[in-house]
Amino acid sequence: MLRSVFGKTIWDARRGLVGWAIGIAAIGVVYAAFYPLIQGPEYAQALAAWPDELKQAIGFTDATTAAGYLGASTYGLLGPALVIIYAGLLGGRAIAGEEESGRLDLLLAQPVGRRRVLIERLAALCVAMAVSSAVLFAAMVAVRGPAELDDVSPANLAAASVHLAVFGMFFGAVALGVGAATGRRSIALGVLAIVAVGGYIVNALAPLVEGLDWARQLSPFYYYSAARPLVSGLAPGDLAVLVVVAVVLAAAGAVAFERRDVAV
């Protein structure tokens, strides 16, 4: 396993992967456990008093149903936020972080091409996102009965977890591609933050402005959640958009990485 860049990357990241996967799953379980407490009439009345624009902006338009609640909390805000942070750390470290620390020189001095390094690091990142989302899915299935989330089928929980994994892969590709092109982890994380925050704002607020609803299609959050996988299952078209853009970003980073002087 340690003879490949992919295997070595997975091995080096194993402790972080375990910690992040458990942490993301734990957050999901904690918020799922609150669902029975908000099904009372008091919460429904309080939610009804909120302005419709505010509920739409923060994703609480249907928070009194199991799918709506999970879509607004575990899979709507906290899960994506944690996945973006984790993916950004992995993507920023994959090339730029290794270059800044001097470890990339040692790797590239071996008989391994730059493109291969980038592809295998990206593959390891994708595995980390898939494993984290799979652990979250397993935790949500386990708590589904006690938390009274029976209205959400395991198939739809799996679909939402797949969407979350691909969403994380997209942001990991952003950080990795920018880091490979610039050699600076700070720039990679800065661009990641701009894409994440800007994408969230556009997705949340564009529908509130007349004539700007189309702008949501510029946001990765739209392709992650607009199809409501917790209700409707997988949305292959939306996932394909995220995958294609991620591949293009990684490819652009690979081209720049191959042409850039890294002092090796």
C-alpha atoms as a PDB file:
ATOM      1  CA  MET A   1       0.000   0.000   0.000  1.00  0.00           C
ATOM      2  CA  LEU A   2       2.811   2.423   0.891  1.00  0.00           C
ATOM      3  CA  ARG A   3       4.489   1.949  -2.490  1.00  0.00           C
ATOM      4  CA  SER A   4       2.009   4.323  -4.139  1.00  0.00           C
ATOM      5  CA  VAL A   5       1.372   8.014  -3.606  1.00  0.00           C
ATOM      6  CA  PHE A   6      -2.308   7.188  -3.098  1.00  0.00           C
ATOM      7  CA  GLY A   7      -1.656   4.565  -0.429  1.00  0.00           C
ATOM      8  CA  LYS A   8       0.889   6.715   1.388  1.00  0.00           C
ATOM      9  CA  THR A   9      -1.513   9.669   1.393  1.00  0.00           C
ATOM     10  CA  ILE A  10      -4.326   7.560   2.832  1.00  0.00           C
ATOM     11  CA  TRP A  11      -2.016   6.062   5.443  1.00  0.00           C
ATOM     12  CA  ASP A  12      -0.677   9.447   6.545  1.00  0.00           C
ATOM     13  CA  ALA A  13      -4.203  10.866   6.795  1.00  0.00           C
ATOM     14  CA  ARG A  14      -5.749   7.871   8.590  1.00  0.00           C
ATOM     15  CA  ARG A  15      -5.981   9.448  12.046  1.00  0.00           C
ATOM     16  CA  GLY A  16      -7.451  12.664  10.724  1.00  0.00           C
ATOM     17  CA  LEU A  17      -9.916  10.700   8.605  1.00  0.00           C
ATOM     18  CA  VAL A  18     -11.122   8.731  11.603  1.00  0.00           C
ATOM     19  CA  GLY A  19     -11.473  11.874  13.701  1.00  0.00           C
ATOM     20  CA  TRP A  20     -13.306  13.885  11.044  1.00  0.00           C
ATOM     21  CA  ALA A  21     -15.600  11.011  10.106  1.00  0.00           C
ATOM     22  CA  ILE A  22     -16.583  10.421  13.717  1.00  0.00           C
ATOM     23  CA  GLY A  23     -16.983  14.151  14.337  1.00  0.00           C
ATOM     24  CA  ILE A  24     -19.242  14.693  11.318  1.00  0.00           C
ATOM     25  CA  ALA A  25     -21.322  11.657  12.253  1.00  0.00           C
ATOM     26  CA  ALA A  26     -21.559  12.788  15.889  1.00  0.00           C
ATOM     27  CA  ILE A  27     -22.850  16.218  14.853  1.00  0.00           C
ATOM     28  CA  GLY A  28     -25.441  14.518  12.662  1.00  0.00           C
ATOM     29  CA  VAL A  29     -26.599  12.280  15.498  1.00  0.00           C
ATOM     30  CA  VAL A  30     -26.818  15.156  17.980  1.00  0.00           C
ATOM     31  CA  TYR A  31     -29.008  17.243  15.711  1.00  0.00           C
ATOM     32  CA  ALA A  32     -31.112  14.250  14.703  1.00  0.00           C
ATOM     33  CA  ALA A  33     -31.770  13.577  18.390  1.00  0.00           C
ATOM     34  CA  PHE A  34     -33.395  17.002  18.728  1.00  0.00           C
ATOM     35  CA  TYR A  35     -36.020  16.275  16.095  1.00  0.00           C
ATOM     36  CA  PRO A  36     -38.645  14.770  18.478  1.00  0.00           C
ATOM     37  CA  LEU A  37     -38.413  17.910  20.601  1.00  0.00           C
ATOM     38  CA  ILE A  38     -39.400  20.248  17.769  1.00  0.00           C
ATOM     39  CA  GLN A  39     -42.486  18.362  16.626  1.00  0.00           C
ATOM     40  CA  GLY A  40     -44.713  20.016  19.216  1.00  0.00           C
ATOM     41  CA  PRO A  41     -47.171  22.798  18.362  1.00  0.00           C
ATOM     42  CA  GLU A  42     -45.081  25.372  20.210  1.00  0.00           C
ATOM     43  CA  TYR A  43     -42.183  25.013  17.793  1.00  0.00           C
ATOM     44  CA  ALA A  44     -44.498  25.034  14.771  1.00  0.00           C
ATOM     45  CA  GLN A  45     -46.109  28.253  15.988  1.00  0.00           C
ATOM     46  CA  ALA A  46     -42.736  29.862  16.628  1.00  0.00           C
ATOM     47  CA  LEU A  47     -41.493  28.849  13.191  1.00  0.00           C
ATOM     48  CA  ALA A  48     -44.659  30.173  11.548  1.00  0.00           C
ATOM     49  CA  ALA A  49     -43.930  33.578  13.051  1.00  0.00           C
ATOM     50  CA  TRP A  50     -40.612  33.841  11.221  1.00  0.00           C
ATOM     51  CA  PRO A  51     -40.620  35.846   7.976  1.00  0.00           C
ATOM     52  CA  ASP A  52     -40.789  33.618   4.910  1.00  0.00           C
ATOM     53  CA  GLU A  53     -37.690  35.301   3.486  1.00  0.00           C
ATOM     54  CA  LEU A  54     -35.677  34.418   6.602  1.00  0.00           C
ATOM     55  CA  LYS A  55     -36.829  30.795   6.555  1.00  0.00           C
ATOM     56  CA  GLN A  56     -35.936  30.453   2.898  1.00  0.00           C
ATOM     57  CA  ALA A  57     -32.533  32.067   3.379  1.00  0.00           C
ATOM     58  CA  ILE A  58     -31.499  29.667   6.152  1.00  0.00           C
ATOM     59  CA  GLY A  59     -33.268  26.615   4.718  1.00  0.00           C
ATOM     60  CA  PHE A  60     -35.948  26.230   7.388  1.00  0.00           C
ATOM     61  CA  THR A  61     -38.953  26.336   5.074  1.00  0.00           C
ATOM     62  CA  ASP A  62     -39.980  22.782   5.976  1.00  0.00           C
ATOM     63  CA  ALA A  63     -38.206  22.122   9.269  1.00  0.00           C
ATOM     64  CA  THR A  64     -41.193  20.422  10.930  1.00  0.00           C
ATOM     65  CA  THR A  65     -40.858  17.322   8.706  1.00  0.00           C
ATOM     66  CA  ALA A  66     -38.050  14.795   9.130  1.00  0.00           C
ATOM     67  CA  ALA A  67     -36.640  15.399   5.645  1.00  0.00           C
ATOM     68  CA  GLY A  68     -36.982  19.163   6.000  1.00  0.00           C
ATOM     69  CA  TYR A  69     -35.317  19.176   9.406  1.00  0.00           C
ATOM     70  CA  LEU A  70     -32.362  17.038   8.326  1.00  0.00           C
ATOM     71  CA  GLY A  71     -32.109  19.027   5.112  1.00  0.00           C
ATOM     72  CA  ALA A  72     -31.820  22.237   7.107  1.00  0.00           C
ATOM     73  CA  SER A  73     -29.474  21.010   9.840  1.00  0.00           C
ATOM     74  CA  THR A  74     -27.336  17.894   9.356  1.00  0.00           C
ATOM     75  CA  TYR A  75     -27.344  17.933   5.567  1.00  0.00           C
ATOM     76  CA  GLY A  76     -28.113  21.601   5.058  1.00  0.00           C
ATOM     77  CA  LEU A  77     -25.675  23.624   7.138  1.00  0.00           C
ATOM     78  CA  LEU A  78     -23.450  21.828   9.631  1.00  0.00           C
ATOM     79  CA  GLY A  79     -22.617  18.762   7.545  1.00  0.00           C
ATOM     80  CA  PRO A  80     -21.650  20.771   4.442  1.00  0.00           C
ATOM     81  CA  ALA A  81     -19.693  23.277   6.548  1.00  0.00           C
ATOM     82  CA  LEU A  82     -17.612  20.547   8.193  1.00  0.00           C
ATOM     83  CA  VAL A  83     -17.078  18.759   4.892  1.00  0.00           C
ATOM     84  CA  ILE A  84     -15.906  21.990   3.222  1.00  0.00           C
ATOM     85  CA  ILE A  85     -13.400  22.600   6.023  1.00  0.00           C
ATOM     86  CA  TYR A  86     -12.104  19.029   5.917  1.00  0.00           C
ATOM     87  CA  ALA A  87     -11.885  18.978   2.120  1.00  0.00           C
ATOM     88  CA  GLY A  88     -10.125  22.336   2.141  1.00  0.00           C
ATOM     89  CA  LEU A  89      -7.519  21.122   4.607  1.00  0.00           C
ATOM     90  CA  LEU A  90      -6.835  18.005   2.560  1.00  0.00           C
ATOM     91  CA  GLY A  91      -6.827  19.809  -0.781  1.00  0.00           C
ATOM     92  CA  GLY A  92      -4.680  22.685   0.419  1.00  0.00           C
ATOM     93  CA  ARG A  93      -2.130  20.327   1.940  1.00  0.00           C
ATOM     94  CA  ALA A  94      -2.026  17.889  -0.993  1.00  0.00           C
ATOM     95  CA  ILE A  95       0.351  19.939  -3.160  1.00  0.00           C
ATOM     96  CA  ALA A  96       0.764  23.473  -1.813  1.00  0.00           C
ATOM     97  CA  GLY A  97       1.158  22.428   1.818  1.00  0.00           C
ATOM     98  CA  GLU A  98       3.706  19.764   0.928  1.00  0.00           C
ATOM     99  CA  GLU A  99       5.597  22.257  -1.223  1.00  0.00           C
ATOM    100  CA  GLU A 100       5.722  24.878   1.517  1.00  0.00           C
ATOM    101  CA  SER A 101       7.003  22.328   4.025  1.00  0.00           C
ATOM    102  CA  GLY A 102       9.692  21.039   1.658  1.00  0.00           C
ATOM    103  CA  ARG A 103       8.362  17.472   1.570  1.00  0.00           C
ATOM    104  CA  LEU A 104       7.219  17.763  -2.034  1.00  0.00           C
ATOM    105  CA  ASP A 105      10.836  18.083  -3.192  1.00  0.00           C
ATOM    106  CA  LEU A 106      11.640  14.686  -1.707  1.00  0.00           C
ATOM    107  CA  LEU A 107       8.630  13.099  -3.396  1.00  0.00           C
ATOM    108  CA  LEU A 108       9.280  14.584  -6.832  1.00  0.00           C
ATOM    109  CA  ALA A 109      12.913  13.536  -6.631  1.00  0.00           C
ATOM    110  CA  GLN A 110      11.616   9.966  -6.915  1.00  0.00           C
ATOM    111  CA  PRO A 111      10.630   8.394 -10.266  1.00  0.00           C
ATOM    112  CA  VAL A 112       7.084   9.740 -10.107  1.00  0.00           C
ATOM    113  CA  GLY A 113       5.573  12.427 -12.323  1.00  0.00           C
ATOM    114  CA  ARG A 114       3.840  15.534 -11.095  1.00  0.00           C
ATOM    115  CA  ARG A 115       0.586  14.616 -12.806  1.00  0.00           C
ATOM    116  CA  ARG A 116       0.544  11.243 -11.091  1.00  0.00           C
ATOM    117  CA  VAL A 117       1.148  12.872  -7.721  1.00  0.00           C
ATOM    118  CA  LEU A 118      -1.774  15.226  -8.223  1.00  0.00           C
ATOM    119  CA  ILE A 119      -4.144  12.519  -9.500  1.00  0.00           C
ATOM    120  CA  GLU A 120      -3.382  10.119  -6.664  1.00  0.00           C
ATOM    121  CA  ARG A 121      -3.637  12.864  -4.056  1.00  0.00           C
ATOM    122  CA  LEU A 122      -7.014  13.820  -5.520  1.00  0.00           C
ATOM    123  CA  ALA A 123      -8.100  10.172  -5.441  1.00  0.00           C
ATOM    124  CA  ALA A 124      -7.136   9.941  -1.769  1.00  0.00           C
ATOM    125  CA  LEU A 125      -9.151  13.090  -1.063  1.00  0.00           C
ATOM    126  CA  CYS A 126     -12.176  11.560  -2.796  1.00  0.00           C
ATOM    127  CA  VAL A 127     -11.839   8.419  -0.675  1.00  0.00           C
ATOM    128  CA  ALA A 128     -11.732  10.549   2.490  1.00  0.00           C
ATOM    129  CA  MET A 129     -14.940  12.333   1.468  1.00  0.00           C
ATOM    130  CA  ALA A 130     -16.640   9.037   0.616  1.00  0.00           C
ATOM    131  CA  VAL A 131     -15.642   7.413   3.904  1.00  0.00           C
ATOM    132  CA  SER A 132     -16.751  10.410   5.986  1.00  0.00           C
ATOM    133  CA  SER A 133     -20.137  10.498   4.253  1.00  0.00           C
ATOM    134  CA  ALA A 134     -20.531   6.729   4.590  1.00  0.00           C
ATOM    135  CA  VAL A 135     -19.919   6.936   8.346  1.00  0.00           C
ATOM    136  CA  LEU A 136     -22.511   9.730   8.583  1.00  0.00           C
ATOM    137  CA  PHE A 137     -24.983   7.607   6.617  1.00  0.00           C
ATOM    138  CA  ALA A 138     -24.440   4.629   8.934  1.00  0.00           C
ATOM    139  CA  ALA A 139     -24.930   6.838  11.988  1.00  0.00           C
ATOM    140  CA  MET A 140     -28.131   8.361  10.609  1.00  0.00           C
ATOM    141  CA  VAL A 141     -29.574   4.933   9.790  1.00  0.00           C
ATOM    142  CA  ALA A 142     -28.738   3.771  13.313  1.00  0.00           C
ATOM    143  CA  VAL A 143     -30.454   6.767  14.936  1.00  0.00           C
ATOM    144  CA  ARG A 144     -33.339   6.903  12.470  1.00  0.00           C
ATOM    145  CA  GLY A 145     -35.746   4.938  14.686  1.00  0.00           C
ATOM    146  CA  PRO A 146     -34.954   6.464  18.095  1.00  0.00           C
ATOM    147  CA  ALA A 147     -34.986   9.980  16.620  1.00  0.00           C
ATOM    148  CA  GLU A 148     -38.365   9.373  14.911  1.00  0.00           C
ATOM    149  CA  LEU A 149     -36.952   9.963  11.448  1.00  0.00           C
ATOM    150  CA  ASP A 150     -38.779   7.004   9.903  1.00  0.00           C
ATOM    151  CA  ASP A 151     -40.294   9.223   7.205  1.00  0.00           C
ATOM    152  CA  VAL A 152     -36.839   9.473   5.600  1.00  0.00           C
ATOM    153  CA  SER A 153     -35.958   6.167   3.962  1.00  0.00           C
ATOM    154  CA  PRO A 154     -32.452   4.668   4.145  1.00  0.00           C
ATOM    155  CA  ALA A 155     -32.279   5.032   0.360  1.00  0.00           C
ATOM    156  CA  ASN A 156     -32.828   8.784   0.593  1.00  0.00           C
ATOM    157  CA  LEU A 157     -30.358   9.067   3.459  1.00  0.00           C
ATOM    158  CA  ALA A 158     -27.860   7.288   1.212  1.00  0.00           C
ATOM    159  CA  ALA A 159     -28.663   9.698  -1.624  1.00  0.00           C
ATOM    160  CA  ALA A 160     -28.112  12.725   0.620  1.00  0.00           C
ATOM    161  CA  SER A 161     -24.820  11.247   1.830  1.00  0.00           C
ATOM    162  CA  VAL A 162     -23.658  10.684  -1.757  1.00  0.00           C
ATOM    163  CA  HIS A 163     -24.505  14.308  -2.549  1.00  0.00           C
ATOM    164  CA  LEU A 164     -22.500  15.376   0.497  1.00  0.00           C
ATOM    165  CA  ALA A 165     -19.497  13.277  -0.569  1.00  0.00           C
ATOM    166  CA  VAL A 166     -19.480  14.703  -4.107  1.00  0.00           C
ATOM    167  CA  PHE A 167     -19.958  18.200  -2.672  1.00  0.00           C
ATOM    168  CA  GLY A 168     -16.848  17.682  -0.547  1.00  0.00           C
ATOM    169  CA  MET A 169     -14.909  16.337  -3.533  1.00  0.00           C
ATOM    170  CA  PHE A 170     -15.776  19.505  -5.448  1.00  0.00           C
ATOM    171  CA  PHE A 171     -14.381  21.785  -2.743  1.00  0.00           C
ATOM    172  CA  GLY A 172     -11.367  19.549  -2.276  1.00  0.00           C
ATOM    173  CA  ALA A 173     -10.665  19.894  -5.992  1.00  0.00           C
ATOM    174  CA  VAL A 174     -10.941  23.678  -5.694  1.00  0.00           C
ATOM    175  CA  ALA A 175      -8.303  23.803  -2.958  1.00  0.00           C
ATOM    176  CA  LEU A 176      -6.065  21.214  -4.606  1.00  0.00           C
ATOM    177  CA  GLY A 177      -6.244  22.808  -8.052  1.00  0.00           C
ATOM    178  CA  VAL A 178      -5.532  26.327  -6.826  1.00  0.00           C
ATOM    179  CA  GLY A 179      -2.796  25.080  -4.524  1.00  0.00           C
ATOM    180  CA  ALA A 180      -1.154  23.121  -7.336  1.00  0.00           C
ATOM    181  CA  ALA A 181      -1.290  26.139  -9.634  1.00  0.00           C
ATOM    182  CA  THR A 182       0.085  28.655  -7.121  1.00  0.00           C
ATOM    183  CA  GLY A 183       2.094  26.644  -4.603  1.00  0.00           C
ATOM    184  CA  ARG A 184       0.479  28.647  -1.815  1.00  0.00           C
ATOM    185  CA  ARG A 185      -1.851  27.026   0.675  1.00  0.00           C
ATOM    186  CA  SER A 186      -3.124  30.387   1.898  1.00  0.00           C
ATOM    187  CA  ILE A 187      -4.270  31.290  -1.617  1.00  0.00           C
ATOM    188  CA  ALA A 188      -5.911  27.892  -2.028  1.00  0.00           C
ATOM    189  CA  LEU A 189      -7.850  28.261   1.211  1.00  0.00           C
ATOM    190  CA  GLY A 190      -8.722  31.867   0.413  1.00  0.00           C
ATOM    191  CA  VAL A 191     -10.226  30.918  -2.928  1.00  0.00           C
ATOM    192  CA  LEU A 192     -12.043  28.033  -1.246  1.00  0.00           C
ATOM    193  CA  ALA A 193     -13.557  30.422   1.297  1.00  0.00           C
ATOM    194  CA  ILE A 194     -14.680  32.824  -1.441  1.00  0.00           C
ATOM    195  CA  VAL A 195     -16.330  30.020  -3.418  1.00  0.00           C
ATOM    196  CA  ALA A 196     -17.984  28.548  -0.313  1.00  0.00           C
ATOM    197  CA  VAL A 197     -19.268  31.778   1.242  1.00  0.00           C
ATOM    198  CA  GLY A 198     -20.163  33.372  -2.074  1.00  0.00           C
ATOM    199  CA  GLY A 199     -21.891  30.219  -3.266  1.00  0.00           C
ATOM    200  CA  TYR A 200     -23.924  29.935  -0.069  1.00  0.00           C
ATOM    201  CA  ILE A 201     -25.015  33.581  -0.209  1.00  0.00           C
ATOM    202  CA  VAL A 202     -26.007  33.364  -3.865  1.00  0.00           C
ATOM    203  CA  ASN A 203     -27.935  30.140  -3.337  1.00  0.00           C
ATOM    204  CA  ALA A 204     -29.748  31.501  -0.289  1.00  0.00           C
ATOM    205  CA  LEU A 205     -30.497  35.058  -1.364  1.00  0.00           C
ATOM    206  CA  ALA A 206     -30.869  34.973  -5.149  1.00  0.00           C
ATOM    207  CA  PRO A 207     -34.438  33.558  -4.971  1.00  0.00           C
ATOM    208  CA  LEU A 208     -35.420  36.499  -2.801  1.00  0.00           C
ATOM    209  CA  VAL A 209     -34.537  39.019  -5.507  1.00  0.00           C
ATOM    210  CA  GLU A 210     -36.910  39.216  -8.427  1.00  0.00           C
ATOM    211  CA  GLY A 211     -35.287  38.093 -11.654  1.00  0.00           C
ATOM    212  CA  LEU A 212     -32.167  36.631  -9.994  1.00  0.00           C
ATOM    213  CA  ASP A 213     -33.326  33.092  -9.330  1.00  0.00           C
ATOM    214  CA  TRP A 214     -31.182  31.922 -12.263  1.00  0.00           C
ATOM    215  CA  ALA A 215     -28.062  32.963 -10.334  1.00  0.00           C
ATOM    216  CA  ARG A 216     -28.495  29.976  -8.029  1.00  0.00           C
ATOM    217  CA  GLN A 217     -27.224  27.797 -10.851  1.00  0.00           C
ATOM    218  CA  LEU A 218     -23.821  29.447 -10.446  1.00  0.00           C
ATOM    219  CA  SER A 219     -23.552  28.081  -6.894  1.00  0.00           C
ATOM    220  CA  PRO A 220     -22.252  24.616  -5.950  1.00  0.00           C
ATOM    221  CA  PHE A 221     -24.832  24.605  -3.162  1.00  0.00           C
ATOM    222  CA  TYR A 222     -27.593  24.574  -5.760  1.00  0.00           C
ATOM    223  CA  TYR A 223     -26.301  21.357  -7.330  1.00  0.00           C
ATOM    224  CA  TYR A 224     -25.805  19.872  -3.881  1.00  0.00           C
ATOM    225  CA  SER A 225     -29.253  20.447  -2.411  1.00  0.00           C
ATOM    226  CA  ALA A 226     -31.772  21.946  -4.855  1.00  0.00           C
ATOM    227  CA  ALA A 227     -33.063  18.511  -5.901  1.00  0.00           C
ATOM    228  CA  ARG A 228     -33.755  17.643  -2.232  1.00  0.00           C
ATOM    229  CA  PRO A 229     -32.172  14.160  -2.179  1.00  0.00           C
ATOM    230  CA  LEU A 230     -33.696  13.450   1.243  1.00  0.00           C
ATOM    231  CA  VAL A 231     -37.088  13.574  -0.494  1.00  0.00           C
ATOM    232  CA  SER A 232     -36.442  12.710  -4.123  1.00  0.00           C
ATOM    233  CA  GLY A 233     -33.278  10.586  -4.029  1.00  0.00           C
ATOM    234  CA  LEU A 234     -30.203  10.992  -6.181  1.00  0.00           C
ATOM    235  CA  ALA A 235     -30.008  13.753  -8.769  1.00  0.00           C
ATOM    236  CA  PRO A 236     -27.458  12.382 -11.276  1.00  0.00           C
ATOM    237  CA  GLY A 237     -27.506  15.525 -13.407  1.00  0.00           C
ATOM    238  CA  ASP A 238     -26.633  17.796 -10.490  1.00  0.00           C
ATOM    239  CA  LEU A 239     -23.918  15.428  -9.290  1.00  0.00           C
ATOM    240  CA  ALA A 240     -22.487  15.314 -12.801  1.00  0.00           C
ATOM    241  CA  VAL A 241     -22.135  19.107 -12.832  1.00  0.00           C
ATOM    242  CA  LEU A 242     -20.135  19.063  -9.599  1.00  0.00           C
ATOM    243  CA  VAL A 243     -17.943  16.204 -10.832  1.00  0.00           C
ATOM    244  CA  VAL A 244     -17.242  17.800 -14.214  1.00  0.00           C
ATOM    245  CA  VAL A 245     -16.323  21.167 -12.701  1.00  0.00           C
ATOM    246  CA  ALA A 246     -14.122  19.439 -10.103  1.00  0.00           C
ATOM    247  CA  VAL A 247     -12.297  17.511 -12.839  1.00  0.00           C
ATOM    248  CA  VAL A 248     -11.784  20.683 -14.885  1.00  0.00           C
ATOM    249  CA  LEU A 249     -10.381  22.517 -11.856  1.00  0.00           C
ATOM    250  CA  ALA A 250      -8.053  19.648 -11.003  1.00  0.00           C
ATOM    251  CA  ALA A 251      -6.929  19.365 -14.631  1.00  0.00           C
ATOM    252  CA  ALA A 252      -6.193  23.087 -14.807  1.00  0.00           C
ATOM    253  CA  GLY A 253      -4.202  22.813 -11.596  1.00  0.00           C
ATOM    254  CA  ALA A 254      -2.291  19.838 -13.014  1.00  0.00           C
ATOM    255  CA  VAL A 255      -1.331  21.752 -16.161  1.00  0.00           C
ATOM    256  CA  ALA A 256      -0.092  24.715 -14.132  1.00  0.00           C
ATOM    257  CA  PHE A 257       1.703  22.410 -11.694  1.00  0.00           C
ATOM    258  CA  GLU A 258       3.610  20.665 -14.476  1.00  0.00           C
ATOM    259  CA  ARG A 259       4.780  23.989 -15.931  1.00  0.00           C
ATOM    260  CA  ARG A 260       5.605  25.699 -12.665  1.00  0.00           C
ATOM    261  CA  ASP A 261       9.106  25.831 -11.150  1.00  0.00           C
ATOM    262  CA  VAL A 262       9.015  24.071  -7.791  1.00  0.00           C
ATOM    263  CA  ALA A 263      12.803  24.107  -7.401  1.00  0.00           C
ATOM    264  CA  VAL A 264      13.216  20.347  -7.845  1.00  0.00           C
END
